Amino acid sequence: MKATIRTQGSQFVVKKGDKLFVNRYPETKEGDQVKIDDVLMLVEDGKSTFGSPTVEGASVTAKILENKKDKKVIVFKKKRRQGYKRRRGHRQLLSVIEIESIDHK
């Protein structure tokens, strides 16, 4: 069974056992269970079910494996001939999740 889910501002096509890097879930720690109710589409035995906007009674359960920071991204701004330069770094907060089950009533 596969599902298309929307979580933390992104859409993913997942199946049981998949590992995903998503924006950090607030106030969670490693080992917590997360229930995702925004299931946009289900595919089971070649049969597709589309939601409008979500599939009723469908949910995905995921386990948080790790909360971490992504690689540093450098933001560099410059205006030529003006002596203006700015250098900033940013590290996005991420959660690594593993899909445990896809449920549909």
C-alpha atoms as a PDB file:
ATOM      1  CA  MET A   1       0.000   0.000   0.000  1.00  0.00           C
ATOM      2  CA  LYS A   2       1.263   3.473  -0.906  1.00  0.00           C
ATOM      3  CA  ALA A   3      -0.012   6.851   0.191  1.00  0.00           C
ATOM      4  CA  THR A   4       0.555  10.467  -0.755  1.00  0.00           C
ATOM      5  CA  ILE A   5       0.715  12.556   2.415  1.00  0.00           C
ATOM      6  CA  ARG A   6       1.072  16.221   3.256  1.00  0.00           C
ATOM      7  CA  THR A   7       3.114  17.023   6.354  1.00  0.00           C
ATOM      8  CA  GLN A   8       5.167  19.979   7.546  1.00  0.00           C
ATOM      9  CA  GLY A   9       4.451  21.903   4.341  1.00  0.00           C
ATOM     10  CA  SER A  10       5.612  19.197   1.892  1.00  0.00           C
ATOM     11  CA  GLN A  11       4.048  16.274   0.047  1.00  0.00           C
ATOM     12  CA  PHE A  12       5.560  12.782  -0.005  1.00  0.00           C
ATOM     13  CA  VAL A  13       4.691   9.428  -1.579  1.00  0.00           C
ATOM     14  CA  VAL A  14       5.329   6.839   1.130  1.00  0.00           C
ATOM     15  CA  LYS A  15       5.008   3.154   1.901  1.00  0.00           C
ATOM     16  CA  LYS A  16       5.634   1.199   5.088  1.00  0.00           C
ATOM     17  CA  GLY A  17       9.264   1.315   6.184  1.00  0.00           C
ATOM     18  CA  ASP A  18      10.224   4.515   4.317  1.00  0.00           C
ATOM     19  CA  LYS A  19      12.488   7.028   6.051  1.00  0.00           C
ATOM     20  CA  LEU A  20      11.894  10.750   5.414  1.00  0.00           C
ATOM     21  CA  PHE A  21      13.614  14.014   6.292  1.00  0.00           C
ATOM     22  CA  VAL A  22      10.913  16.587   7.111  1.00  0.00           C
ATOM     23  CA  ASN A  23      10.834  19.958   8.866  1.00  0.00           C
ATOM     24  CA  ARG A  24      11.004  19.448  12.614  1.00  0.00           C
ATOM     25  CA  TYR A  25       7.841  18.522  14.474  1.00  0.00           C
ATOM     26  CA  PRO A  26       7.561  20.974  17.386  1.00  0.00           C
ATOM     27  CA  GLU A  27       7.800  19.661  20.946  1.00  0.00           C
ATOM     28  CA  THR A  28       8.710  16.083  20.020  1.00  0.00           C
ATOM     29  CA  LYS A  29      11.642  13.879  20.903  1.00  0.00           C
ATOM     30  CA  GLU A  30      13.166  10.681  19.584  1.00  0.00           C
ATOM     31  CA  GLY A  31      10.875   7.668  19.809  1.00  0.00           C
ATOM     32  CA  ASP A  32       7.610   9.659  19.733  1.00  0.00           C
ATOM     33  CA  GLN A  33       4.738   8.557  17.490  1.00  0.00           C
ATOM     34  CA  VAL A  34       3.258  11.037  15.014  1.00  0.00           C
ATOM     35  CA  LYS A  35      -0.147  10.536  13.373  1.00  0.00           C
ATOM     36  CA  ILE A  36      -0.559  12.200   9.972  1.00  0.00           C
ATOM     37  CA  ASP A  37      -4.186  12.692   8.887  1.00  0.00           C
ATOM     38  CA  ASP A  38      -3.505  14.635   5.663  1.00  0.00           C
ATOM     39  CA  VAL A  39      -3.623  11.652   3.277  1.00  0.00           C
ATOM     40  CA  LEU A  40      -4.230  12.963  -0.238  1.00  0.00           C
ATOM     41  CA  MET A  41      -4.238   9.637  -2.129  1.00  0.00           C
ATOM     42  CA  LEU A  42      -4.096   5.903  -1.416  1.00  0.00           C
ATOM     43  CA  VAL A  43      -2.987   3.113  -3.758  1.00  0.00           C
ATOM     44  CA  GLU A  44      -3.899  -0.406  -2.654  1.00  0.00           C
ATOM     45  CA  ASP A  45      -3.608  -3.443  -4.949  1.00  0.00           C
ATOM     46  CA  GLY A  46      -3.580  -1.217  -8.046  1.00  0.00           C
ATOM     47  CA  LYS A  47      -6.748   0.566  -6.911  1.00  0.00           C
ATOM     48  CA  SER A  48      -6.428   4.320  -6.320  1.00  0.00           C
ATOM     49  CA  THR A  49      -8.499   6.394  -3.916  1.00  0.00           C
ATOM     50  CA  PHE A  50      -8.314  10.160  -4.274  1.00  0.00           C
ATOM     51  CA  GLY A  51      -9.361  12.620  -1.601  1.00  0.00           C
ATOM     52  CA  SER A  52     -11.014  15.974  -1.998  1.00  0.00           C
ATOM     53  CA  PRO A  53      -8.842  17.317  -0.432  1.00  0.00           C
ATOM     54  CA  THR A  54      -8.075  14.358   1.875  1.00  0.00           C
ATOM     55  CA  VAL A  55      -9.179  10.717   2.036  1.00  0.00           C
ATOM     56  CA  GLU A  56     -11.741  10.236   4.810  1.00  0.00           C
ATOM     57  CA  GLY A  57     -10.693   7.810   7.549  1.00  0.00           C
ATOM     58  CA  ALA A  58      -7.125   7.420   6.278  1.00  0.00           C
ATOM     59  CA  SER A  59      -4.078   8.087   8.419  1.00  0.00           C
ATOM     60  CA  VAL A  60      -0.366   7.353   8.493  1.00  0.00           C
ATOM     61  CA  THR A  61       1.554   6.571  11.671  1.00  0.00           C
ATOM     62  CA  ALA A  62       5.235   7.508  11.811  1.00  0.00           C
ATOM     63  CA  LYS A  63       7.956   7.216  14.435  1.00  0.00           C
ATOM     64  CA  ILE A  64      10.515   9.982  14.999  1.00  0.00           C
ATOM     65  CA  LEU A  65      13.966   8.444  14.739  1.00  0.00           C
ATOM     66  CA  GLU A  66      16.019  11.606  15.204  1.00  0.00           C
ATOM     67  CA  ASN A  67      15.774  15.383  15.544  1.00  0.00           C
ATOM     68  CA  LYS A  68      18.767  17.124  13.995  1.00  0.00           C
ATOM     69  CA  LYS A  69      20.010  20.064  11.969  1.00  0.00           C
ATOM     70  CA  ASP A  70      20.608  20.045   8.221  1.00  0.00           C
ATOM     71  CA  LYS A  71      23.833  21.144   6.533  1.00  0.00           C
ATOM     72  CA  LYS A  72      24.667  24.826   6.712  1.00  0.00           C
ATOM     73  CA  VAL A  73      23.459  27.002   3.847  1.00  0.00           C
ATOM     74  CA  ILE A  74      25.414  30.230   3.279  1.00  0.00           C
ATOM     75  CA  VAL A  75      23.403  33.305   2.273  1.00  0.00           C
ATOM     76  CA  PHE A  76      25.739  35.869   0.707  1.00  0.00           C
ATOM     77  CA  LYS A  77      24.574  39.285  -0.441  1.00  0.00           C
ATOM     78  CA  LYS A  78      26.707  41.783  -2.337  1.00  0.00           C
ATOM     79  CA  LYS A  79      26.176  45.020  -4.223  1.00  0.00           C
ATOM     80  CA  ARG A  80      29.022  45.762  -6.549  1.00  0.00           C
ATOM     81  CA  ARG A  81      31.033  48.943  -6.179  1.00  0.00           C
ATOM     82  CA  GLN A  82      29.190  49.879  -2.983  1.00  0.00           C
ATOM     83  CA  GLY A  83      31.296  48.127  -0.351  1.00  0.00           C
ATOM     84  CA  TYR A  84      28.192  46.180   0.748  1.00  0.00           C
ATOM     85  CA  LYS A  85      28.674  42.513   1.687  1.00  0.00           C
ATOM     86  CA  ARG A  86      26.683  40.348   4.080  1.00  0.00           C
ATOM     87  CA  ARG A  87      27.337  36.713   4.928  1.00  0.00           C
ATOM     88  CA  ARG A  88      24.849  34.710   6.971  1.00  0.00           C
ATOM     89  CA  GLY A  89      24.477  31.002   7.635  1.00  0.00           C
ATOM     90  CA  HIS A  90      21.336  28.960   8.251  1.00  0.00           C
ATOM     91  CA  ARG A  91      20.794  25.398   9.452  1.00  0.00           C
ATOM     92  CA  GLN A  92      17.268  24.016   9.018  1.00  0.00           C
ATOM     93  CA  LEU A  93      15.820  21.961  11.878  1.00  0.00           C
ATOM     94  CA  LEU A  94      14.833  18.478  10.654  1.00  0.00           C
ATOM     95  CA  SER A  95      13.087  15.378  11.946  1.00  0.00           C
ATOM     96  CA  VAL A  96      13.944  11.946  10.550  1.00  0.00           C
ATOM     97  CA  ILE A  97      10.769   9.841  10.541  1.00  0.00           C
ATOM     98  CA  GLU A  98      10.014   6.236   9.622  1.00  0.00           C
ATOM     99  CA  ILE A  99       6.594   5.226   8.306  1.00  0.00           C
ATOM    100  CA  GLU A 100       5.199   2.457  10.528  1.00  0.00           C
ATOM    101  CA  SER A 101       1.699   1.925   9.146  1.00  0.00           C
ATOM    102  CA  ILE A 102      -0.868   3.204   6.666  1.00  0.00           C
ATOM    103  CA  ASP A 103      -4.435   2.807   7.916  1.00  0.00           C
ATOM    104  CA  HIS A 104      -7.728   3.151   6.049  1.00  0.00           C
ATOM    105  CA  LYS A 105     -11.177   2.471   7.447  1.00  0.00           C
END
